[in-house]
Amino acid sequence: MELTDACWRTATRSSNNGGNCVEVADNLPGRVLVRDSKAPNAGTLTFTPSAWRAFVADTPRRTA
């Protein structure tokens, strides 16, 4: 899988947690990539867009 075109972003709420967050790239056709921001070369999870939407929808929101 070619990842050079992935545009990685972090959650807007991740700035206050000491860098413990994930990065997401959702600009590639047919897949959403997820990686650890502290170890970006350690591996990448790949989701279909529908699986990613389901995951996000089922993830509890933290209220600072």
C-alpha atoms as a PDB file:
ATOM      1  CA  MET A   1       0.000   0.000   0.000  1.00  0.00           C
ATOM      2  CA  GLU A   2       1.373   3.413  -0.987  1.00  0.00           C
ATOM      3  CA  LEU A   3       1.077   5.915   1.871  1.00  0.00           C
ATOM      4  CA  THR A   4       3.005   8.835   0.407  1.00  0.00           C
ATOM      5  CA  ASP A   5      -0.226  10.633  -0.545  1.00  0.00           C
ATOM      6  CA  ALA A   6      -1.758  10.303   2.919  1.00  0.00           C
ATOM      7  CA  CYS A   7      -2.558  13.643   4.585  1.00  0.00           C
ATOM      8  CA  TRP A   8      -2.301  12.977   8.316  1.00  0.00           C
ATOM      9  CA  ARG A   9      -4.176  15.013  10.924  1.00  0.00           C
ATOM     10  CA  THR A  10      -4.643  14.791  14.679  1.00  0.00           C
ATOM     11  CA  ALA A  11      -7.759  15.404  16.715  1.00  0.00           C
ATOM     12  CA  THR A  12      -8.300  19.000  17.780  1.00  0.00           C
ATOM     13  CA  ARG A  13      -8.629  17.842  21.401  1.00  0.00           C
ATOM     14  CA  SER A  14      -5.288  16.045  21.412  1.00  0.00           C
ATOM     15  CA  SER A  15      -3.163  19.111  22.212  1.00  0.00           C
ATOM     16  CA  ASN A  16      -3.664  18.867  25.990  1.00  0.00           C
ATOM     17  CA  ASN A  17      -2.814  15.197  26.482  1.00  0.00           C
ATOM     18  CA  GLY A  18       0.968  15.230  26.122  1.00  0.00           C
ATOM     19  CA  GLY A  19       0.992  13.969  22.562  1.00  0.00           C
ATOM     20  CA  ASN A  20      -0.839  10.720  23.273  1.00  0.00           C
ATOM     21  CA  CYS A  21      -3.116  10.640  20.282  1.00  0.00           C
ATOM     22  CA  VAL A  22      -3.733   9.031  16.949  1.00  0.00           C
ATOM     23  CA  GLU A  23      -3.398  10.507  13.496  1.00  0.00           C
ATOM     24  CA  VAL A  24      -5.961   9.869  10.768  1.00  0.00           C
ATOM     25  CA  ALA A  25      -5.649  10.126   6.999  1.00  0.00           C
ATOM     26  CA  ASP A  26      -8.999  10.048   5.233  1.00  0.00           C
ATOM     27  CA  ASN A  27      -8.026  11.530   1.888  1.00  0.00           C
ATOM     28  CA  LEU A  28      -7.267   8.237   0.101  1.00  0.00           C
ATOM     29  CA  PRO A  29      -9.989   6.582  -1.979  1.00  0.00           C
ATOM     30  CA  GLY A  30     -11.741   3.702  -0.246  1.00  0.00           C
ATOM     31  CA  ARG A  31      -9.738   3.661   2.969  1.00  0.00           C
ATOM     32  CA  VAL A  32      -9.071   5.517   6.197  1.00  0.00           C
ATOM     33  CA  LEU A  33      -5.638   5.133   7.788  1.00  0.00           C
ATOM     34  CA  VAL A  34      -4.880   5.417  11.505  1.00  0.00           C
ATOM     35  CA  ARG A  35      -1.479   5.530  13.249  1.00  0.00           C
ATOM     36  CA  ASP A  36       0.097   6.394  16.596  1.00  0.00           C
ATOM     37  CA  SER A  37       1.374   9.982  16.592  1.00  0.00           C
ATOM     38  CA  LYS A  38       4.301   9.047  18.855  1.00  0.00           C
ATOM     39  CA  ALA A  39       5.454   6.216  16.579  1.00  0.00           C
ATOM     40  CA  PRO A  40       4.273   7.001  13.043  1.00  0.00           C
ATOM     41  CA  ASN A  41       6.498   4.345  11.472  1.00  0.00           C
ATOM     42  CA  ALA A  42       5.385   1.555  13.817  1.00  0.00           C
ATOM     43  CA  GLY A  43       2.394   0.543  11.709  1.00  0.00           C
ATOM     44  CA  THR A  44      -0.880   1.701  10.274  1.00  0.00           C
ATOM     45  CA  LEU A  45      -4.422   0.427  10.691  1.00  0.00           C
ATOM     46  CA  THR A  46      -6.629   0.525   7.614  1.00  0.00           C
ATOM     47  CA  PHE A  47     -10.410   0.879   7.746  1.00  0.00           C
ATOM     48  CA  THR A  48     -13.031   1.106   5.043  1.00  0.00           C
ATOM     49  CA  PRO A  49     -14.796   4.474   5.236  1.00  0.00           C
ATOM     50  CA  SER A  50     -18.001   2.821   6.502  1.00  0.00           C
ATOM     51  CA  ALA A  51     -16.122   0.872   9.198  1.00  0.00           C
ATOM     52  CA  TRP A  52     -14.363   4.075  10.303  1.00  0.00           C
ATOM     53  CA  ARG A  53     -17.682   5.973  10.512  1.00  0.00           C
ATOM     54  CA  ALA A  54     -19.129   3.148  12.627  1.00  0.00           C
ATOM     55  CA  PHE A  55     -16.081   3.161  14.914  1.00  0.00           C
ATOM     56  CA  VAL A  56     -16.239   6.929  15.412  1.00  0.00           C
ATOM     57  CA  ALA A  57     -19.992   6.828  16.003  1.00  0.00           C
ATOM     58  CA  ASP A  58     -19.558   4.167  18.722  1.00  0.00           C
ATOM     59  CA  THR A  59     -16.634   5.875  20.452  1.00  0.00           C
ATOM     60  CA  PRO A  60     -17.625   7.787  23.580  1.00  0.00           C
ATOM     61  CA  ARG A  61     -16.855  11.497  23.448  1.00  0.00           C
ATOM     62  CA  ARG A  62     -14.696  12.867  26.226  1.00  0.00           C
ATOM     63  CA  THR A  63     -15.729  16.249  27.596  1.00  0.00           C
ATOM     64  CA  ALA A  64     -12.475  17.837  28.715  1.00  0.00           C
END
